[in-house]
C-alpha atoms as a PDB file:
ATOM      1  CA  MET A   1     123.804 145.767 101.089  1.00  0.00           C
ATOM      2  CA  ILE A   2     123.726 141.678 101.411  1.00  0.00           C
ATOM      3  CA  ARG A   3     121.282 141.873 104.486  1.00  0.00           C
ATOM      4  CA  PRO A   4     118.594 143.208 102.422  1.00  0.00           C
ATOM      5  CA  LEU A   5     119.216 140.581  99.863  1.00  0.00           C
ATOM      6  CA  VAL A   6     119.289 138.020 102.053  1.00  0.00           C
ATOM      7  CA  LEU A   7     115.937 139.009 103.695  1.00  0.00           C
ATOM      8  CA  SER A   8     113.798 139.516 100.424  1.00  0.00           C
ATOM      9  CA  ILE A   9     115.222 135.880  99.319  1.00  0.00           C
ATOM     10  CA  ALA A  10     113.938 134.543 102.750  1.00  0.00           C
ATOM     11  CA  LEU A  11     110.500 136.534 102.925  1.00  0.00           C
ATOM     12  CA  THR A  12     110.203 134.849  99.068  1.00  0.00           C
ATOM     13  CA  LEU A  13     110.628 131.345 100.228  1.00  0.00           C
ATOM     14  CA  ALA A  14     108.685 131.883 103.319  1.00  0.00           C
ATOM     15  CA  SER A  15     105.615 132.880 101.302  1.00  0.00           C
ATOM     16  CA  GLY A  16     105.893 129.888  99.166  1.00  0.00           C
ATOM     17  CA  GLN A  17     105.368 132.230  96.183  1.00  0.00           C
ATOM     18  CA  ALA A  18     109.279 130.927  94.954  1.00  0.00           C
ATOM     19  CA  TRP A  19     108.747 130.927  90.724  1.00  0.00           C
ATOM     20  CA  ALA A  20     110.566 129.034  88.130  1.00  0.00           C
ATOM     21  CA  GLN A  21     111.122 129.105  84.578  1.00  0.00           C
ATOM     22  CA  MET A  22     113.146 127.165  82.218  1.00  0.00           C
ATOM     23  CA  THR A  23     112.707 126.702  78.318  1.00  0.00           C
ATOM     24  CA  PHE A  24     114.878 123.642  76.752  1.00  0.00           C
ATOM     25  CA  CYS A  25     115.089 123.162  73.095  1.00  0.00           C
ATOM     26  CA  GLN A  26     116.016 120.268  70.618  1.00  0.00           C
ATOM     27  CA  GLY A  27     115.997 121.966  67.523  1.00  0.00           C
ATOM     28  CA  ASP A  28     112.525 123.347  66.136  1.00  0.00           C
ATOM     29  CA  VAL A  29     110.767 121.878  69.078  1.00  0.00           C
ATOM     30  CA  CYS A  30     110.831 123.669  72.447  1.00  0.00           C
ATOM     31  CA  THR A  31     109.199 123.002  76.120  1.00  0.00           C
ATOM     32  CA  GLU A  32     108.767 125.263  78.347  1.00  0.00           C
ATOM     33  CA  GLU A  33     108.252 124.444  82.010  1.00  0.00           C
ATOM     34  CA  VAL A  34     106.788 126.824  85.217  1.00  0.00           C
ATOM     35  CA  ASN A  35     106.383 125.637  88.308  1.00  0.00           C
ATOM     36  CA  GLY A  36     106.696 121.780  87.181  1.00  0.00           C
ATOM     37  CA  VAL A  37     104.048 122.818  84.489  1.00  0.00           C
ATOM     38  CA  LYS A  38     105.821 121.466  81.154  1.00  0.00           C
ATOM     39  CA  ARG A  39     104.063 122.668  77.830  1.00  0.00           C
ATOM     40  CA  THR A  40     105.077 122.470  74.273  1.00  0.00           C
ATOM     41  CA  MET A  41     105.837 125.764  72.567  1.00  0.00           C
ATOM     42  CA  THR A  42     104.023 126.870  68.936  1.00  0.00           C
ATOM     43  CA  PRO A  43     106.173 127.232  66.023  1.00  0.00           C
ATOM     44  CA  GLU A  44     105.253 130.969  66.047  1.00  0.00           C
ATOM     45  CA  GLU A  45     106.916 131.134  69.870  1.00  0.00           C
ATOM     46  CA  VAL A  46     109.757 129.339  69.100  1.00  0.00           C
ATOM     47  CA  GLY A  47     110.258 131.417  66.401  1.00  0.00           C
ATOM     48  CA  LYS A  48     109.794 134.342  68.488  1.00  0.00           C
ATOM     49  CA  LEU A  49     112.496 133.051  70.898  1.00  0.00           C
ATOM     50  CA  LYS A  50     115.161 132.204  68.046  1.00  0.00           C
ATOM     51  CA  ARG A  51     114.723 135.632  66.729  1.00  0.00           C
ATOM     52  CA  GLN A  52     115.147 137.337  70.157  1.00  0.00           C
ATOM     53  CA  ASN A  53     118.055 134.826  71.268  1.00  0.00           C
ATOM     54  CA  ALA A  54     119.739 135.752  67.855  1.00  0.00           C
ATOM     55  CA  ARG A  55     119.239 139.529  68.217  1.00  0.00           C
ATOM     56  CA  THR A  56     120.644 139.366  72.100  1.00  0.00           C
ATOM     57  CA  ALA A  57     123.613 137.707  70.246  1.00  0.00           C
ATOM     58  CA  LEU A  58     124.035 140.460  67.553  1.00  0.00           C
ATOM     59  CA  GLY A  59     124.033 142.810  70.447  1.00  0.00           C
ATOM     60  CA  ASN A  60     126.971 141.382  72.266  1.00  0.00           C
ATOM     61  CA  VAL A  61     129.399 141.746  69.414  1.00  0.00           C
ATOM     62  CA  GLU A  62     131.900 144.893  69.642  1.00  0.00           C
ATOM     63  CA  CYS A  63     132.722 146.325  66.452  1.00  0.00           C
ATOM     64  CA  ARG A  64     135.378 148.476  68.061  1.00  0.00           C
ATOM     65  CA  HIS A  65     137.581 144.981  68.165  1.00  0.00           C
ATOM     66  CA  ALA A  66     136.690 144.505  64.140  1.00  0.00           C
ATOM     67  CA  SER A  67     139.304 145.517  61.336  1.00  0.00           C
ATOM     68  CA  SER A  68     137.376 147.632  60.210  1.00  0.00           C
ATOM     69  CA  PRO A  69     134.580 149.390  63.220  1.00  0.00           C
ATOM     70  CA  GLU A  70     132.987 151.145  60.167  1.00  0.00           C
ATOM     71  CA  THR A  71     132.113 148.063  57.955  1.00  0.00           C
ATOM     72  CA  CYS A  72     131.208 146.376  61.164  1.00  0.00           C
ATOM     73  CA  GLU A  73     128.757 149.445  62.468  1.00  0.00           C
ATOM     74  CA  THR A  74     127.008 149.038  58.765  1.00  0.00           C
ATOM     75  CA  LEU A  75     126.892 145.566  58.532  1.00  0.00           C
ATOM     76  CA  MET A  76     124.797 145.193  62.366  1.00  0.00           C
ATOM     77  CA  ARG A  77     122.941 147.623  61.342  1.00  0.00           C
ATOM     78  CA  ASP A  78     121.622 145.464  58.240  1.00  0.00           C
ATOM     79  CA  LEU A  79     121.288 142.512  60.705  1.00  0.00           C
ATOM     80  CA  PHE A  80     119.300 144.129  63.383  1.00  0.00           C
ATOM     81  CA  ALA A  81     116.872 145.221  60.675  1.00  0.00           C
ATOM     82  CA  GLN A  82     116.403 141.410  59.726  1.00  0.00           C
ATOM     83  CA  PHE A  83     115.471 140.864  63.396  1.00  0.00           C
ATOM     84  CA  PRO A  84     112.379 143.201  64.461  1.00  0.00           C
ATOM     85  CA  TYR A  85     110.371 142.917  67.854  1.00  0.00           C
END
C-alpha cells in the first residue's frame, strides 16, 4: 500500500506539477496563495469561506454527548438552516 503512494508522490513531484494553495485571514481580509501567486479575496469570497468553516465546525458537534441530545439535535437543525450552501 505504501509503495503505490510513494510512487504516485514521486511521479507528481517529477512531473513538476506540484500544486499548493493556502488561505490566510486577518479579520475580514483574506489572502489566497496558489503556487506562490497571492491575491486578496473579495468580500463575497470571504463570506462564503467563513460560512463553510462555520458549517464544518457545526458538523463536528456530537449531540450524543450533550446533556439533552434531543434538544441538541433540534438546535443543530436550526443552526444548519442558517448556513445554506
